[in-house]
Amino acid sequence: MLSDTDQQALLRTIMDLIRFRTVDGEFAEFDRTVEYVRHFFQGTPVHITEHRFNNYPALVLTTRQTTHPRIFLQGHLDVVPGESAQFSPKIKGDRLYGRGSVDMKGFDALAMHLLRELALHQPDADVGLMFTFDEEIGGANGAARLAEMGYGADMIINGDGGYNHAVIFAEKGILKIRICTEAIPGRHPYPWQGENAFDVLIRNYQNIISLFPEQWKATEEDNWYSTYSVYDVKVENKMHSPPHRAEMKMNFYFTEPVTPDELLEKIRLHARHVSIEKVSGSERVYLDPNNSAIRELRDIMEKHFRRPIAIRSENGSSDARFFTRLGVPILIVKVVGEDHHGPREHLVIPELMPLYRSLEEFIQRHLVSASVSETIEAEHGTKR
């Protein structure tokens, strides 16, 4: 597998990926990135399958010809917009600066090197890697479609986590809605002559937020509470009249074991005289923090990082949510760095190899245990 001296090769791959301006709409740049990944695996026994969903590419790379390997690594190669200089990666001290260094081309490069080494030196490996190009805009033309097609695994390792030196066991579900109401208002001095649409909207808002009393318990250290936020409030009114139409959009980040549609129905039961439309929704990701896999990965990471590794929940979301239907362990990590989506996005170079070594050891342990299980099943004639 990779030696410590090969950290430079890993850095070169990260920097190459950063140079691709893979922001939404840059389809030619997406195609160039796809060719780069193909070339990276040229001459290796890695099977590459390319899909296109509304012109967005999705790559599936596996050591066997299968849609269901033992372990799938998962990443996205698109990034949020940035200044031109951010697409020219720079090393300053022990930091690598560039758009996507943390979110999430650092992990992407690490996963590429790990998969290539497994394919070359462990012929019985049953591992895969999924790359998509639309996570930053919702994932509808990437991971969502791959999940619909039946791609899956016995375990998924996603590299789009939110915290340094942590293994993520849970990510919140998301529901986005639009609330609209119309009314016939009275004139300003005569409110009894009609109804103010904005007043109706606010009364419903108060009813809806009463469903989320734990919002104010959430902190940076402990955020596993359902929360909400309002944005894009609009009103329409004629001259000398209060609003006859009012609208707001709301986001809900929920921890409950419900689907977005179930939460939507609960919200609708507490609303009156408004229309409520779902804009989008996704289920939460949740793995019992006492699960043996998550604790095993934590212990391995503590050995390689030589520091405590937290097991914690995540306030945000990732493409891992599309695979919750599988009911398999989903483990979420990230490369160590700061300011994702920000002007000073960077990763910490000395922390790359500890993460690589941790994932390498964790995956090899599970491939060995899977191989032993297969042998026992075959000997007893129980192999499926």
Protein backbone atom coordinates (compact mmCIF):
# COMPACT_ATOMS: atom_id res chain seq x y z
CA MET A 1 0.00 0.00 0.00
CA LEU A 2 1.04 3.65 -0.02
CA SER A 3 4.24 4.48 1.84
CA ASP A 4 4.60 7.69 3.78
CA THR A 5 6.82 9.04 1.01
CA ASP A 6 3.87 8.64 -1.35
CA GLN A 7 2.09 11.44 0.49
CA GLN A 8 3.49 13.68 -2.24
CA ALA A 9 1.67 11.64 -4.88
CA LEU A 10 -1.54 12.02 -2.90
CA LEU A 11 -0.99 15.77 -2.67
CA ARG A 12 -0.42 16.00 -6.42
CA THR A 13 -3.74 14.24 -7.04
CA ILE A 14 -5.58 16.60 -4.68
CA MET A 15 -4.05 19.62 -6.39
CA ASP A 16 -4.90 18.26 -9.83
CA LEU A 17 -8.54 17.83 -8.77
CA ILE A 18 -8.71 21.33 -7.29
CA ARG A 19 -7.60 22.81 -10.61
CA PHE A 20 -10.78 21.50 -12.26
CA ARG A 21 -13.40 24.26 -11.86
CA THR A 22 -16.21 21.80 -11.19
CA VAL A 23 -18.92 24.30 -10.20
CA ASP A 24 -22.50 23.72 -11.27
CA GLY A 25 -23.08 24.21 -14.99
CA GLU A 26 -19.45 23.67 -16.03
CA PHE A 27 -20.22 20.44 -17.86
CA ALA A 28 -17.10 20.53 -20.02
CA GLU A 29 -15.04 20.73 -16.83
CA PHE A 30 -16.99 17.80 -15.43
CA ASP A 31 -16.04 15.81 -18.52
CA ARG A 32 -12.36 16.70 -18.14
CA THR A 33 -12.48 15.54 -14.52
CA VAL A 34 -14.08 12.26 -15.58
CA GLU A 35 -11.25 11.67 -18.05
CA TYR A 36 -8.70 12.45 -15.34
CA VAL A 37 -10.24 9.82 -13.06
CA ARG A 38 -10.34 7.30 -15.91
CA HIS A 39 -6.67 7.92 -16.66
CA PHE A 40 -5.78 7.57 -12.98
CA PHE A 41 -7.07 3.98 -13.01
CA GLN A 42 -5.70 3.10 -16.45
CA GLY A 43 -3.91 -0.26 -16.39
CA THR A 44 -5.54 -1.39 -13.15
CA PRO A 45 -8.22 -4.07 -12.68
CA VAL A 46 -10.81 -1.46 -11.73
CA HIS A 47 -14.15 -1.57 -13.51
CA ILE A 48 -15.46 1.91 -14.39
CA THR A 49 -19.11 2.53 -15.19
CA GLU A 50 -20.23 5.99 -16.25
CA HIS A 51 -23.82 7.19 -16.05
CA ARG A 52 -25.37 10.45 -17.22
CA PHE A 53 -28.36 11.99 -15.49
CA ASN A 54 -29.55 15.18 -17.23
CA ASN A 55 -25.98 15.69 -18.44
CA TYR A 56 -24.47 15.26 -14.95
CA PRO A 57 -21.90 12.45 -14.93
CA ALA A 58 -21.75 9.82 -12.20
CA LEU A 59 -18.86 7.39 -11.93
CA VAL A 60 -18.93 3.99 -10.26
CA LEU A 61 -15.57 2.28 -9.82
CA THR A 62 -15.35 -1.24 -8.44
CA THR A 63 -12.75 -3.97 -8.02
CA ARG A 64 -15.35 -6.50 -9.21
CA GLN A 65 -18.12 -6.22 -11.78
CA THR A 66 -20.91 -5.63 -9.30
CA THR A 67 -23.42 -3.01 -8.19
CA HIS A 68 -23.13 -4.18 -4.59
CA PRO A 69 -19.56 -4.43 -3.27
CA ARG A 70 -18.81 -5.17 0.35
CA ILE A 71 -17.79 -1.55 0.95
CA PHE A 72 -18.55 1.59 -1.07
CA LEU A 73 -16.53 4.75 -0.62
CA GLN A 74 -18.62 7.78 -1.55
CA GLY A 75 -17.64 11.26 -2.67
CA HIS A 76 -18.63 14.17 -4.89
CA LEU A 77 -16.37 16.06 -7.28
CA ASP A 78 -18.42 19.25 -7.65
CA VAL A 79 -17.66 22.33 -5.56
CA VAL A 80 -19.33 25.61 -4.70
CA PRO A 81 -18.23 28.71 -6.66
CA GLY A 82 -15.06 30.47 -5.59
CA GLU A 83 -12.56 33.11 -6.61
CA SER A 84 -10.32 32.22 -9.55
CA ALA A 85 -7.29 32.04 -7.26
CA GLN A 86 -8.93 29.26 -5.25
CA PHE A 87 -8.69 26.95 -8.25
CA SER A 88 -4.90 27.35 -8.21
CA PRO A 89 -3.96 25.28 -5.15
CA LYS A 90 -1.19 26.59 -2.90
CA ILE A 91 0.80 25.01 -0.10
CA LYS A 92 1.66 27.32 2.79
CA GLY A 93 3.46 25.62 5.64
CA ASP A 94 1.51 22.47 6.45
CA ARG A 95 -1.71 23.73 4.83
CA LEU A 96 -3.02 23.10 1.33
CA TYR A 97 -5.35 25.90 0.22
CA GLY A 98 -7.88 25.63 -2.58
CA ARG A 99 -11.56 25.32 -3.42
CA GLY A 100 -12.70 21.82 -2.60
CA SER A 101 -9.62 20.89 -0.56
CA VAL A 102 -11.89 20.01 2.37
CA ASP A 103 -15.25 19.75 0.59
CA MET A 104 -14.29 17.30 -0.65
CA LYS A 105 -11.51 16.71 -3.17
CA GLY A 106 -9.02 15.86 -0.43
CA PHE A 107 -11.07 12.81 0.48
CA ASP A 108 -11.79 12.07 -3.20
CA ALA A 109 -8.07 11.81 -3.95
CA LEU A 110 -7.48 9.72 -0.85
CA ALA A 111 -10.26 7.33 -1.90
CA MET A 112 -8.84 7.08 -5.43
CA HIS A 113 -5.39 6.11 -4.15
CA LEU A 114 -6.86 3.65 -1.66
CA LEU A 115 -9.03 1.93 -4.27
CA ARG A 116 -6.16 1.72 -6.76
CA GLU A 117 -3.82 0.18 -4.18
CA LEU A 118 -6.45 -2.36 -3.11
CA ALA A 119 -7.16 -3.30 -6.73
CA LEU A 120 -3.46 -3.75 -7.51
CA HIS A 121 -2.33 -5.56 -4.38
CA GLN A 122 -5.38 -7.31 -2.96
CA PRO A 123 -7.00 -9.31 -5.77
CA ASP A 124 -9.86 -10.57 -3.59
CA ALA A 125 -10.87 -7.05 -2.53
CA ASP A 126 -14.54 -6.23 -3.05
CA VAL A 127 -14.62 -2.45 -2.81
CA GLY A 128 -16.18 0.37 -4.79
CA LEU A 129 -16.09 4.15 -5.14
CA MET A 130 -18.95 6.41 -6.23
CA PHE A 131 -18.28 9.89 -7.61
CA THR A 132 -21.06 12.34 -8.46
CA PHE A 133 -21.11 15.95 -9.63
CA ASP A 134 -24.22 17.56 -8.13
CA GLU A 135 -24.05 17.18 -4.34
CA GLU A 136 -23.75 20.92 -3.79
CA ILE A 137 -27.12 21.48 -5.51
CA GLY A 138 -29.00 18.62 -3.90
CA GLY A 139 -27.84 15.34 -5.44
CA ALA A 140 -30.97 14.68 -7.54
CA ASN A 141 -28.87 13.90 -10.64
CA GLY A 142 -26.21 11.91 -8.88
CA ALA A 143 -26.40 9.84 -5.71
CA ALA A 144 -30.20 9.86 -5.72
CA ARG A 145 -30.27 8.28 -9.17
CA LEU A 146 -27.57 5.73 -8.34
CA ALA A 147 -29.60 4.65 -5.31
CA GLU A 148 -32.72 4.35 -7.45
CA MET A 149 -30.80 2.15 -9.89
CA GLY A 150 -30.01 -0.30 -7.09
CA TYR A 151 -26.42 0.51 -6.24
CA GLY A 152 -25.60 -0.44 -2.67
CA ALA A 153 -23.14 -2.12 -0.35
CA ASP A 154 -22.83 -3.90 2.97
CA MET A 155 -21.26 -0.70 4.31
CA ILE A 156 -20.80 2.85 3.04
CA ILE A 157 -17.99 5.23 3.99
CA ASN A 158 -18.80 8.81 3.04
CA GLY A 159 -16.06 11.45 3.20
CA ASP A 160 -18.29 14.53 3.42
CA GLY A 161 -18.49 14.87 7.20
CA GLY A 162 -18.58 18.12 9.09
CA TYR A 163 -16.06 17.86 11.92
CA ASN A 164 -12.33 17.35 12.31
CA HIS A 165 -11.16 14.28 14.21
CA ALA A 166 -14.59 12.70 14.42
CA VAL A 167 -16.66 9.85 13.09
CA ILE A 168 -20.21 10.95 12.29
CA PHE A 169 -23.01 8.58 13.27
CA ALA A 170 -25.97 10.76 12.31
CA GLU A 171 -26.99 13.56 9.97
CA LYS A 172 -30.28 15.42 10.15
CA GLY A 173 -33.10 14.96 7.70
CA ILE A 174 -34.10 18.04 5.72
CA LEU A 175 -37.49 19.38 4.69
CA LYS A 176 -37.91 22.59 2.70
CA ILE A 177 -41.41 24.03 2.28
CA ARG A 178 -43.20 27.04 0.80
CA ILE A 179 -46.17 28.48 2.73
CA CYS A 180 -48.59 30.75 0.87
CA THR A 181 -51.82 32.50 1.79
CA GLU A 182 -54.20 34.97 0.16
CA ALA A 183 -56.82 37.18 1.77
CA ILE A 184 -59.06 40.18 1.14
CA PRO A 185 -57.74 42.87 3.47
CA GLY A 186 -59.46 45.94 4.78
CA ARG A 187 -57.93 49.37 4.37
CA HIS A 188 -55.17 50.38 6.77
CA PRO A 189 -57.39 52.24 9.26
CA TYR A 190 -60.18 49.65 9.03
CA PRO A 191 -58.68 46.20 9.69
CA TRP A 192 -62.12 44.81 10.65
CA GLN A 193 -63.13 45.13 6.99
CA GLY A 194 -60.96 42.19 5.95
CA GLU A 195 -57.95 40.06 6.82
CA ASN A 196 -54.26 40.80 6.46
CA ALA A 197 -52.53 37.95 4.59
CA PHE A 198 -49.33 38.58 6.51
CA ASP A 199 -51.16 38.18 9.82
CA VAL A 200 -52.51 34.82 8.64
CA LEU A 201 -48.99 33.76 7.64
CA ILE A 202 -47.52 34.77 11.01
CA ARG A 203 -50.22 32.94 12.98
CA ASN A 204 -49.43 29.79 11.03
CA TYR A 205 -45.72 30.32 11.52
CA GLN A 206 -46.24 30.45 15.29
CA ASN A 207 -48.28 27.25 15.18
CA ILE A 208 -45.65 25.46 13.11
CA ILE A 209 -42.63 26.42 15.19
CA SER A 210 -44.46 25.23 18.32
CA LEU A 211 -43.73 21.73 16.97
CA PHE A 212 -39.99 22.32 17.43
CA PRO A 213 -39.54 23.46 21.04
CA GLU A 214 -35.99 22.14 21.29
CA GLN A 215 -34.53 24.55 18.73
CA TRP A 216 -32.91 26.68 21.40
CA LYS A 217 -31.21 23.74 23.09
CA ALA A 218 -28.94 23.22 20.09
CA THR A 219 -25.32 24.31 20.47
CA GLU A 220 -22.14 23.83 18.46
CA GLU A 221 -21.12 21.05 20.85
CA ASP A 222 -24.55 19.38 21.06
CA ASN A 223 -26.75 20.05 18.03
CA TRP A 224 -28.81 16.85 17.80
CA TYR A 225 -32.11 18.71 18.08
CA SER A 226 -34.65 19.50 15.38
CA THR A 227 -34.31 23.09 14.19
CA TYR A 228 -35.90 25.41 11.64
CA SER A 229 -35.13 28.61 9.76
CA VAL A 230 -37.13 31.06 7.66
CA TYR A 231 -35.97 32.70 4.46
CA ASP A 232 -37.36 34.49 1.41
CA VAL A 233 -40.43 36.16 2.95
CA LYS A 234 -42.59 38.02 0.41
CA VAL A 235 -45.79 40.05 0.55
CA GLU A 236 -47.95 41.64 -2.15
CA ASN A 237 -50.22 44.57 -1.51
CA LYS A 238 -52.02 47.31 -3.40
CA MET A 239 -51.61 50.98 -2.65
CA HIS A 240 -53.18 51.98 0.68
CA SER A 241 -53.96 48.34 1.55
CA PRO A 242 -52.33 45.70 3.73
CA PRO A 243 -50.97 42.57 2.02
CA HIS A 244 -53.44 40.46 0.08
CA ARG A 245 -50.83 37.74 -0.45
CA ALA A 246 -48.00 36.50 1.74
CA GLU A 247 -45.41 33.76 1.32
CA MET A 248 -42.44 32.38 3.20
CA LYS A 249 -40.03 29.52 2.76
CA MET A 250 -38.87 27.42 5.69
CA ASN A 251 -36.17 24.83 6.23
CA PHE A 252 -36.49 22.11 8.84
CA TYR A 253 -33.52 20.03 9.99
CA PHE A 254 -35.04 17.14 11.88
CA THR A 255 -33.69 14.37 14.08
CA GLU A 256 -36.87 12.29 14.40
CA PRO A 257 -37.11 8.87 12.69
CA VAL A 258 -39.69 10.07 10.18
CA THR A 259 -39.74 10.70 6.44
CA PRO A 260 -39.95 14.25 5.08
CA ASP A 261 -43.52 13.53 3.91
CA GLU A 262 -44.53 12.37 7.39
CA LEU A 263 -43.14 15.56 8.87
CA LEU A 264 -44.90 17.60 6.19
CA GLU A 265 -48.24 16.02 7.10
CA LYS A 266 -47.65 16.82 10.76
CA ILE A 267 -46.98 20.46 9.85
CA ARG A 268 -50.09 20.66 7.67
CA LEU A 269 -52.25 19.46 10.58
CA HIS A 270 -51.15 22.56 12.51
CA ALA A 271 -51.84 25.02 9.67
CA ARG A 272 -55.03 26.88 8.76
CA HIS A 273 -56.00 28.88 5.68
CA VAL A 274 -52.62 28.46 3.97
CA SER A 275 -51.24 26.22 1.25
CA ILE A 276 -48.06 24.32 2.04
CA GLU A 277 -45.88 22.90 -0.74
CA LYS A 278 -42.86 20.68 -0.30
CA VAL A 279 -39.85 22.11 -2.12
CA SER A 280 -37.53 19.22 -1.30
CA GLY A 281 -36.82 16.69 1.40
CA SER A 282 -34.40 14.01 2.48
CA GLU A 283 -34.31 11.48 5.28
CA ARG A 284 -31.88 11.55 8.15
CA VAL A 285 -28.81 9.33 8.32
CA TYR A 286 -28.60 7.47 11.61
CA LEU A 287 -26.40 4.74 13.02
CA ASP A 288 -26.50 3.74 16.67
CA PRO A 289 -23.35 5.33 18.15
CA ASN A 290 -22.71 2.04 19.97
CA ASN A 291 -22.61 0.15 16.66
CA SER A 292 -19.50 -2.04 16.52
CA ALA A 293 -18.39 -0.70 13.12
CA ILE A 294 -18.39 2.93 14.19
CA ARG A 295 -16.53 2.15 17.40
CA GLU A 296 -14.01 0.03 15.53
CA LEU A 297 -13.30 2.86 13.08
CA ARG A 298 -12.99 5.31 15.99
CA ASP A 299 -10.46 3.06 17.74
CA ILE A 300 -8.41 2.62 14.56
CA MET A 301 -8.41 6.38 13.93
CA GLU A 302 -7.26 7.09 17.49
CA LYS A 303 -4.30 4.76 16.90
CA HIS A 304 -3.23 6.45 13.66
CA PHE A 305 -4.03 10.06 14.63
CA ARG A 306 -2.63 9.54 18.14
CA ARG A 307 -5.37 11.66 19.66
CA PRO A 308 -8.98 11.25 20.82
CA ILE A 309 -11.54 10.82 18.05
CA ALA A 310 -15.12 11.83 18.78
CA ILE A 311 -18.25 9.97 17.78
CA ARG A 312 -20.80 12.68 17.16
CA SER A 313 -23.82 13.76 15.17
CA GLU A 314 -23.74 16.23 12.28
CA ASN A 315 -25.85 19.34 11.88
CA GLY A 316 -25.80 19.18 8.09
CA SER A 317 -26.37 16.55 5.44
CA SER A 318 -24.61 14.65 2.66
CA ASP A 319 -25.32 12.36 -0.26
CA ALA A 320 -25.16 9.44 2.16
CA ARG A 321 -28.83 10.13 2.92
CA PHE A 322 -29.91 8.53 -0.36
CA PHE A 323 -28.67 5.14 0.83
CA THR A 324 -30.39 4.99 4.21
CA ARG A 325 -32.98 2.65 2.66
CA LEU A 326 -30.31 -0.08 2.63
CA GLY A 327 -30.31 -0.30 6.40
CA VAL A 328 -26.52 -0.80 6.46
CA PRO A 329 -23.84 1.01 8.46
CA ILE A 330 -23.06 4.43 6.99
CA LEU A 331 -19.86 5.91 8.41
CA ILE A 332 -19.03 9.55 7.73
CA VAL A 333 -15.62 11.21 8.09
CA LYS A 334 -13.69 14.12 6.58
CA VAL A 335 -10.16 15.23 5.91
CA VAL A 336 -8.90 17.58 8.60
CA GLY A 337 -9.22 21.21 7.51
CA GLU A 338 -11.22 24.39 7.84
CA ASP A 339 -13.42 26.95 6.08
CA HIS A 340 -15.22 24.71 3.59
CA HIS A 341 -17.15 26.90 1.13
CA GLY A 342 -15.13 29.85 2.45
CA PRO A 343 -12.34 32.03 1.03
CA ARG A 344 -9.60 30.30 3.07
CA GLU A 345 -10.65 26.69 2.57
CA HIS A 346 -7.72 24.42 3.35
CA LEU A 347 -6.72 20.99 4.59
CA VAL A 348 -3.94 20.07 7.03
CA ILE A 349 -1.32 18.06 5.15
CA PRO A 350 0.12 16.01 8.06
CA GLU A 351 -3.38 14.73 8.84
CA LEU A 352 -3.88 13.11 5.42
CA MET A 353 -1.90 9.92 5.91
CA PRO A 354 -3.42 9.11 9.33
CA LEU A 355 -6.86 9.16 7.70
CA TYR A 356 -5.60 7.09 4.77
CA ARG A 357 -4.04 4.54 7.13
CA SER A 358 -7.19 4.42 9.25
CA LEU A 359 -9.47 3.68 6.31
CA GLU A 360 -6.96 1.24 4.85
CA GLU A 361 -6.82 -0.78 8.07
CA PHE A 362 -10.57 -0.62 8.66
CA ILE A 363 -11.41 -1.77 5.13
CA GLN A 364 -8.83 -4.55 5.13
CA ARG A 365 -10.18 -5.90 8.43
CA HIS A 366 -13.68 -6.07 7.01
CA LEU A 367 -12.55 -7.59 3.73
CA VAL A 368 -10.71 -10.31 5.65
CA SER A 369 -13.71 -11.05 7.87
CA ALA A 370 -15.95 -11.13 4.79
CA SER A 371 -13.57 -13.55 3.05
CA VAL A 372 -13.55 -15.86 6.08
CA SER A 373 -17.34 -15.76 6.19
CA GLU A 374 -17.55 -16.66 2.50
CA THR A 375 -15.19 -19.61 3.02
CA ILE A 376 -17.26 -20.96 5.90
CA GLU A 377 -20.46 -20.56 3.90
CA ALA A 378 -18.95 -22.38 0.92
CA GLU A 379 -17.67 -25.24 3.09
CA HIS A 380 -21.11 -25.73 4.58
CA GLY A 381 -22.93 -25.28 1.30
CA THR A 382 -24.77 -22.19 2.55
CA LYS A 383 -23.24 -19.55 0.29
CA ARG A 384 -25.94 -17.50 -1.36
